[in-house]
């Protein structure tokens, strides 16, 4: 299925709500670490599915990953979140949870504004969107 603006906008808003509700804060289930960005949120087609039945190639977030990084084992870790090239992967390496969450929140808000104003064309990329 080809992504459409409405579906992507809905997913971005759901992810932002997840962030704002503390979805990436430490859980009682895994108290030794914060949940992985995108991978452990309702945005992921494999959310709470340890068998990972859905290939990452079917994920709507792939539209935000550079083409040369889409074959990585977990491509959503390479979503570029800032103009300086920071990715989810790089935030894991040097940012605090609070910094990573703030960077993610800003990225989500910017993508939402772009789609709402018609600036972004990323939703036209040939990547499936799970509605």
N, C-alpha and C. Protein backbone atom coordinates (compact mmCIF):
# COMPACT_ATOMS: atom_id res chain seq x y z
N UNK A 1 0.85 -1.18 0.00
CA UNK A 1 0.00 0.00 0.00
C UNK A 1 0.89 1.24 0.00
N UNK A 2 0.59 2.19 -0.81
CA UNK A 2 1.35 3.44 -0.88
C UNK A 2 0.89 4.37 0.23
N UNK A 3 1.83 4.98 0.94
CA UNK A 3 1.44 5.86 2.03
C UNK A 3 0.67 7.07 1.54
N UNK A 4 -0.21 7.55 2.36
CA UNK A 4 -0.89 8.78 2.02
C UNK A 4 -0.71 9.77 3.17
N UNK A 5 -0.90 11.01 2.85
CA UNK A 5 -0.64 12.09 3.80
C UNK A 5 -1.45 11.90 5.09
N UNK A 6 -2.70 11.55 4.96
CA UNK A 6 -3.56 11.40 6.13
C UNK A 6 -3.06 10.30 7.05
N UNK A 7 -2.69 9.16 6.47
CA UNK A 7 -2.21 8.04 7.29
C UNK A 7 -0.90 8.39 8.01
N UNK A 8 0.03 9.00 7.29
CA UNK A 8 1.31 9.36 7.90
C UNK A 8 1.10 10.42 8.98
N UNK A 9 0.26 11.38 8.72
CA UNK A 9 -0.03 12.43 9.70
C UNK A 9 -0.63 11.81 10.97
N UNK A 10 -1.53 10.90 10.80
CA UNK A 10 -2.15 10.21 11.94
C UNK A 10 -1.10 9.44 12.75
N UNK A 11 -0.19 8.76 12.06
CA UNK A 11 0.87 8.01 12.74
C UNK A 11 1.85 8.92 13.47
N UNK A 12 2.22 10.04 12.84
CA UNK A 12 3.11 11.00 13.49
C UNK A 12 2.47 11.58 14.75
N UNK A 13 1.19 11.90 14.67
CA UNK A 13 0.49 12.45 15.83
C UNK A 13 0.37 11.41 16.94
N UNK A 14 0.14 10.17 16.58
CA UNK A 14 0.06 9.11 17.58
C UNK A 14 1.41 8.92 18.27
N UNK A 15 2.48 9.00 17.50
CA UNK A 15 3.83 8.87 18.08
C UNK A 15 4.11 10.04 19.01
N UNK A 16 3.74 11.25 18.61
CA UNK A 16 3.93 12.42 19.46
C UNK A 16 3.15 12.26 20.77
N UNK A 17 1.94 11.79 20.68
CA UNK A 17 1.14 11.56 21.88
C UNK A 17 1.80 10.52 22.77
N UNK A 18 2.34 9.47 22.18
CA UNK A 18 3.06 8.43 22.93
C UNK A 18 4.23 9.04 23.69
N UNK A 19 4.99 9.91 23.02
CA UNK A 19 6.12 10.59 23.65
C UNK A 19 5.64 11.47 24.81
N UNK A 20 4.61 12.26 24.55
CA UNK A 20 4.12 13.20 25.56
C UNK A 20 3.49 12.50 26.76
N UNK A 21 3.02 11.29 26.56
CA UNK A 21 2.43 10.53 27.67
C UNK A 21 3.49 9.71 28.42
N UNK A 22 4.76 9.91 28.07
CA UNK A 22 5.85 9.24 28.78
C UNK A 22 6.15 7.84 28.28
N UNK A 23 5.78 7.55 27.06
CA UNK A 23 5.99 6.21 26.50
C UNK A 23 7.43 5.74 26.44
N UNK A 24 8.37 6.69 26.41
CA UNK A 24 9.77 6.30 26.35
C UNK A 24 10.48 6.40 27.70
N UNK A 25 9.72 6.57 28.74
CA UNK A 25 10.32 6.58 30.07
C UNK A 25 10.44 5.14 30.57
N UNK A 26 11.26 4.91 31.52
CA UNK A 26 11.47 3.56 32.03
C UNK A 26 10.15 2.91 32.44
N UNK A 27 10.05 1.64 32.14
CA UNK A 27 8.83 0.92 32.47
C UNK A 27 9.08 -0.05 33.62
N UNK A 28 8.03 -0.52 34.22
CA UNK A 28 8.17 -1.53 35.27
C UNK A 28 8.56 -2.86 34.66
N UNK A 29 8.21 -3.07 33.40
CA UNK A 29 8.55 -4.32 32.71
C UNK A 29 10.05 -4.41 32.42
N UNK A 30 10.67 -3.28 32.05
CA UNK A 30 12.10 -3.23 31.74
C UNK A 30 12.74 -2.05 32.48
N UNK A 31 12.87 -2.13 33.80
CA UNK A 31 13.33 -0.98 34.58
C UNK A 31 14.81 -0.61 34.36
N UNK A 32 15.58 -1.47 33.76
CA UNK A 32 17.01 -1.21 33.58
C UNK A 32 17.32 -0.36 32.35
N UNK A 33 16.32 -0.11 31.50
CA UNK A 33 16.57 0.72 30.33
C UNK A 33 15.29 1.39 29.85
N UNK A 34 15.46 2.48 29.11
CA UNK A 34 14.31 3.14 28.49
C UNK A 34 13.92 2.35 27.25
N UNK A 35 12.66 2.42 26.86
CA UNK A 35 12.24 1.72 25.63
C UNK A 35 12.97 2.30 24.42
N UNK A 36 13.18 1.46 23.42
CA UNK A 36 13.81 1.89 22.19
C UNK A 36 12.86 2.79 21.39
N UNK A 37 13.41 3.89 20.90
CA UNK A 37 12.62 4.84 20.11
C UNK A 37 12.12 4.15 18.85
N UNK A 38 10.88 4.33 18.57
CA UNK A 38 10.12 3.76 17.46
C UNK A 38 9.91 2.26 17.61
N UNK A 39 10.95 1.50 17.93
CA UNK A 39 10.83 0.05 18.01
C UNK A 39 9.87 -0.42 19.09
N UNK A 40 9.79 0.32 20.17
CA UNK A 40 8.94 -0.08 21.28
C UNK A 40 7.83 0.94 21.51
N UNK A 41 7.25 1.36 20.40
CA UNK A 41 6.11 2.26 20.46
C UNK A 41 5.03 1.70 19.54
N UNK A 42 3.81 2.17 19.70
CA UNK A 42 2.74 1.71 18.80
C UNK A 42 2.99 2.05 17.33
N UNK A 43 3.99 2.87 17.04
CA UNK A 43 4.34 3.18 15.65
C UNK A 43 4.91 1.98 14.91
N UNK A 44 5.48 1.06 15.66
CA UNK A 44 6.14 -0.09 15.06
C UNK A 44 5.12 -1.17 14.69
N UNK A 45 5.20 -1.68 13.47
CA UNK A 45 4.28 -2.76 13.09
C UNK A 45 4.48 -4.01 13.95
N UNK A 46 5.63 -4.11 14.60
CA UNK A 46 5.92 -5.26 15.47
C UNK A 46 5.79 -4.94 16.95
N UNK A 47 5.08 -3.87 17.27
CA UNK A 47 4.92 -3.46 18.66
C UNK A 47 4.41 -4.62 19.50
N UNK A 48 5.15 -4.93 20.54
CA UNK A 48 4.83 -6.02 21.48
C UNK A 48 4.75 -7.40 20.82
N UNK A 49 5.41 -7.56 19.70
CA UNK A 49 5.45 -8.85 19.02
C UNK A 49 6.90 -9.30 18.95
N UNK A 50 7.28 -10.15 19.87
CA UNK A 50 8.68 -10.60 19.93
C UNK A 50 9.10 -11.42 18.72
N UNK A 51 8.14 -11.98 18.00
CA UNK A 51 8.49 -12.79 16.83
C UNK A 51 8.75 -11.93 15.60
N UNK A 52 8.44 -10.65 15.67
CA UNK A 52 8.69 -9.70 14.59
C UNK A 52 8.17 -10.22 13.25
N UNK A 53 6.87 -10.44 13.18
CA UNK A 53 6.21 -10.99 11.99
C UNK A 53 6.23 -10.04 10.79
N UNK A 54 6.30 -8.74 11.05
CA UNK A 54 6.25 -7.76 9.97
C UNK A 54 7.67 -7.29 9.62
N UNK A 55 8.07 -7.39 8.37
CA UNK A 55 9.41 -6.91 8.00
C UNK A 55 9.49 -5.38 8.09
N UNK A 56 10.65 -4.91 8.45
CA UNK A 56 10.85 -3.45 8.55
C UNK A 56 10.61 -2.77 7.20
N UNK A 57 10.78 -3.49 6.12
CA UNK A 57 10.55 -2.92 4.79
C UNK A 57 9.10 -2.47 4.62
N UNK A 58 8.19 -2.96 5.45
CA UNK A 58 6.78 -2.58 5.38
C UNK A 58 6.42 -1.42 6.30
N UNK A 59 7.38 -0.91 7.04
CA UNK A 59 7.12 0.13 8.04
C UNK A 59 7.02 1.51 7.39
N UNK A 60 6.07 2.29 7.83
CA UNK A 60 5.87 3.66 7.32
C UNK A 60 7.07 4.55 7.60
N UNK A 61 7.83 4.27 8.64
CA UNK A 61 8.99 5.11 8.99
C UNK A 61 10.12 5.00 7.98
N UNK A 62 10.11 3.96 7.18
CA UNK A 62 11.16 3.78 6.19
C UNK A 62 11.24 4.98 5.24
N UNK A 63 10.14 5.67 5.05
CA UNK A 63 10.13 6.85 4.20
C UNK A 63 11.05 7.95 4.74
N UNK A 64 11.37 7.89 6.02
CA UNK A 64 12.22 8.89 6.66
C UNK A 64 13.66 8.40 6.84
N UNK A 65 13.99 7.26 6.26
CA UNK A 65 15.34 6.70 6.35
C UNK A 65 16.01 6.86 4.99
N UNK A 66 17.27 7.29 5.00
CA UNK A 66 18.01 7.45 3.75
C UNK A 66 18.03 6.11 3.00
N UNK A 67 17.87 6.13 1.68
CA UNK A 67 17.81 4.88 0.91
C UNK A 67 18.97 3.92 1.17
N UNK A 68 20.18 4.43 1.35
CA UNK A 68 21.33 3.54 1.57
C UNK A 68 21.34 2.90 2.96
N UNK A 69 20.43 3.31 3.84
CA UNK A 69 20.37 2.74 5.19
C UNK A 69 19.11 1.90 5.41
N UNK A 70 18.29 1.78 4.41
CA UNK A 70 17.03 1.05 4.55
C UNK A 70 17.20 -0.45 4.70
N UNK A 71 18.38 -0.97 4.37
CA UNK A 71 18.63 -2.40 4.52
C UNK A 71 19.28 -2.75 5.85
N UNK A 72 19.45 -1.77 6.72
CA UNK A 72 19.99 -2.05 8.05
C UNK A 72 19.03 -2.98 8.78
N UNK A 73 19.54 -3.70 9.78
CA UNK A 73 18.70 -4.64 10.52
C UNK A 73 17.50 -3.93 11.16
N UNK A 74 17.73 -2.75 11.71
CA UNK A 74 16.66 -1.96 12.31
C UNK A 74 16.74 -0.55 11.71
N UNK A 75 16.16 -0.36 10.53
CA UNK A 75 16.32 0.90 9.81
C UNK A 75 15.75 2.12 10.52
N UNK A 76 14.74 1.96 11.38
CA UNK A 76 14.18 3.14 12.04
C UNK A 76 15.19 3.80 12.98
N UNK A 77 16.25 3.10 13.32
CA UNK A 77 17.31 3.72 14.13
C UNK A 77 18.09 4.76 13.32
N UNK A 78 17.86 4.80 12.02
CA UNK A 78 18.58 5.72 11.16
C UNK A 78 17.69 6.82 10.60
N UNK A 79 16.54 7.02 11.22
CA UNK A 79 15.72 8.18 10.88
C UNK A 79 16.52 9.41 11.29
N UNK A 80 16.76 10.31 10.33
CA UNK A 80 17.53 11.52 10.63
C UNK A 80 16.61 12.52 11.31
N UNK A 81 16.94 12.86 12.55
CA UNK A 81 16.09 13.71 13.38
C UNK A 81 16.47 15.18 13.36
N UNK A 82 17.68 15.51 12.94
CA UNK A 82 18.11 16.91 12.93
C UNK A 82 18.85 17.22 11.63
N UNK A 83 18.96 18.49 11.33
CA UNK A 83 19.70 18.90 10.14
C UNK A 83 21.20 18.63 10.29
N UNK A 84 21.65 18.43 11.53
CA UNK A 84 23.06 18.11 11.78
C UNK A 84 23.35 16.63 11.55
N UNK A 85 22.32 15.87 11.18
CA UNK A 85 22.52 14.46 10.88
C UNK A 85 22.31 13.52 12.05
N UNK A 86 21.83 14.03 13.17
CA UNK A 86 21.59 13.14 14.31
C UNK A 86 20.46 12.17 13.97
N UNK A 87 20.70 10.93 14.32
CA UNK A 87 19.72 9.88 14.10
C UNK A 87 19.34 9.27 15.45
N UNK A 88 18.34 8.42 15.44
CA UNK A 88 17.99 7.70 16.65
C UNK A 88 19.23 6.94 17.15
N UNK A 89 19.94 6.31 16.24
CA UNK A 89 21.15 5.56 16.58
C UNK A 89 22.20 6.45 17.25
N UNK A 90 22.43 7.63 16.71
CA UNK A 90 23.45 8.50 17.32
C UNK A 90 22.99 9.02 18.68
N UNK A 91 21.69 9.23 18.86
CA UNK A 91 21.19 9.66 20.17
C UNK A 91 21.43 8.59 21.22
N UNK A 92 21.31 7.32 20.83
CA UNK A 92 21.58 6.23 21.78
C UNK A 92 23.03 6.29 22.26
N UNK A 93 23.90 6.79 21.43
CA UNK A 93 25.33 6.80 21.76
C UNK A 93 25.75 7.91 22.70
N UNK A 94 25.09 9.08 22.63
CA UNK A 94 25.59 10.19 23.43
C UNK A 94 24.53 11.02 24.15
N UNK A 95 23.28 10.86 23.86
CA UNK A 95 22.26 11.72 24.46
C UNK A 95 21.65 11.08 25.71
N UNK A 96 21.20 11.91 26.60
CA UNK A 96 20.44 11.40 27.73
C UNK A 96 19.03 11.07 27.23
N UNK A 97 18.28 10.36 28.02
CA UNK A 97 16.90 10.04 27.65
C UNK A 97 16.11 11.32 27.42
N UNK A 98 16.32 12.31 28.28
CA UNK A 98 15.60 13.58 28.17
C UNK A 98 15.96 14.30 26.87
N UNK A 99 17.26 14.31 26.51
CA UNK A 99 17.70 14.95 25.27
C UNK A 99 17.13 14.22 24.05
N UNK A 100 17.17 12.91 24.09
CA UNK A 100 16.64 12.12 22.98
C UNK A 100 15.15 12.37 22.81
N UNK A 101 14.43 12.40 23.91
CA UNK A 101 13.00 12.63 23.87
C UNK A 101 12.68 14.03 23.32
N UNK A 102 13.44 15.03 23.73
CA UNK A 102 13.23 16.39 23.23
C UNK A 102 13.53 16.48 21.73
N UNK A 103 14.59 15.83 21.29
CA UNK A 103 14.94 15.82 19.87
C UNK A 103 13.85 15.13 19.07
N UNK A 104 13.37 14.01 19.56
CA UNK A 104 12.30 13.28 18.88
C UNK A 104 11.02 14.11 18.83
N UNK A 105 10.67 14.72 19.94
CA UNK A 105 9.46 15.56 19.99
C UNK A 105 9.54 16.68 18.95
N UNK A 106 10.68 17.34 18.88
CA UNK A 106 10.85 18.43 17.90
C UNK A 106 10.73 17.90 16.47
N UNK A 107 11.34 16.75 16.18
CA UNK A 107 11.27 16.16 14.85
C UNK A 107 9.82 15.83 14.49
N UNK A 108 9.10 15.23 15.42
CA UNK A 108 7.70 14.88 15.17
C UNK A 108 6.86 16.12 14.91
N UNK A 109 7.05 17.15 15.73
CA UNK A 109 6.29 18.39 15.55
C UNK A 109 6.57 19.02 14.18
N UNK A 110 7.84 18.99 13.76
CA UNK A 110 8.21 19.56 12.45
C UNK A 110 7.59 18.76 11.31
N UNK A 111 7.61 17.42 11.39
CA UNK A 111 7.02 16.59 10.33
C UNK A 111 5.51 16.81 10.28
N UNK A 112 4.87 16.94 11.42
CA UNK A 112 3.43 17.19 11.47
C UNK A 112 3.10 18.52 10.81
N UNK A 113 3.86 19.57 11.17
CA UNK A 113 3.64 20.89 10.55
C UNK A 113 3.82 20.83 9.04
N UNK A 114 4.87 20.12 8.58
CA UNK A 114 5.11 20.01 7.15
C UNK A 114 3.94 19.34 6.43
N UNK A 115 3.46 18.27 6.99
CA UNK A 115 2.35 17.56 6.35
C UNK A 115 1.06 18.37 6.40
N UNK A 116 0.82 19.04 7.51
CA UNK A 116 -0.39 19.84 7.62
C UNK A 116 -0.38 21.04 6.68
N UNK A 117 0.80 21.57 6.40
CA UNK A 117 0.91 22.73 5.52
C UNK A 117 1.14 22.34 4.06
N UNK A 118 1.33 21.04 3.81
CA UNK A 118 1.54 20.58 2.44
C UNK A 118 2.95 20.72 1.94
N UNK A 119 3.90 20.99 2.83
CA UNK A 119 5.30 21.17 2.42
C UNK A 119 5.97 19.84 2.10
N UNK A 120 5.72 18.83 2.92
CA UNK A 120 6.43 17.56 2.81
C UNK A 120 5.90 16.70 1.67
N UNK A 121 6.82 16.06 0.98
CA UNK A 121 6.45 15.11 -0.08
C UNK A 121 6.86 13.69 0.30
N UNK A 122 7.39 13.50 1.51
CA UNK A 122 7.89 12.19 1.91
C UNK A 122 6.79 11.13 1.87
N UNK A 123 5.56 11.53 2.09
CA UNK A 123 4.46 10.56 2.10
C UNK A 123 4.22 9.93 0.74
N UNK A 124 4.83 10.45 -0.30
CA UNK A 124 4.66 9.89 -1.64
C UNK A 124 5.67 8.80 -1.95
N UNK A 125 6.61 8.55 -1.05
CA UNK A 125 7.62 7.52 -1.30
C UNK A 125 6.98 6.14 -1.32
N UNK A 126 7.52 5.22 -2.09
CA UNK A 126 6.93 3.89 -2.21
C UNK A 126 7.23 3.01 -0.99
N UNK A 127 6.63 3.31 0.12
CA UNK A 127 6.80 2.56 1.35
C UNK A 127 5.41 2.30 1.91
N UNK A 128 5.19 1.12 2.41
CA UNK A 128 3.88 0.77 2.95
C UNK A 128 3.61 1.52 4.25
N UNK A 129 2.35 1.84 4.47
CA UNK A 129 1.92 2.46 5.72
C UNK A 129 0.89 1.54 6.34
N UNK A 130 1.13 1.14 7.57
CA UNK A 130 0.18 0.28 8.27
C UNK A 130 -0.81 1.15 8.99
N UNK A 131 -2.04 1.19 8.52
CA UNK A 131 -3.06 2.04 9.13
C UNK A 131 -3.77 1.29 10.23
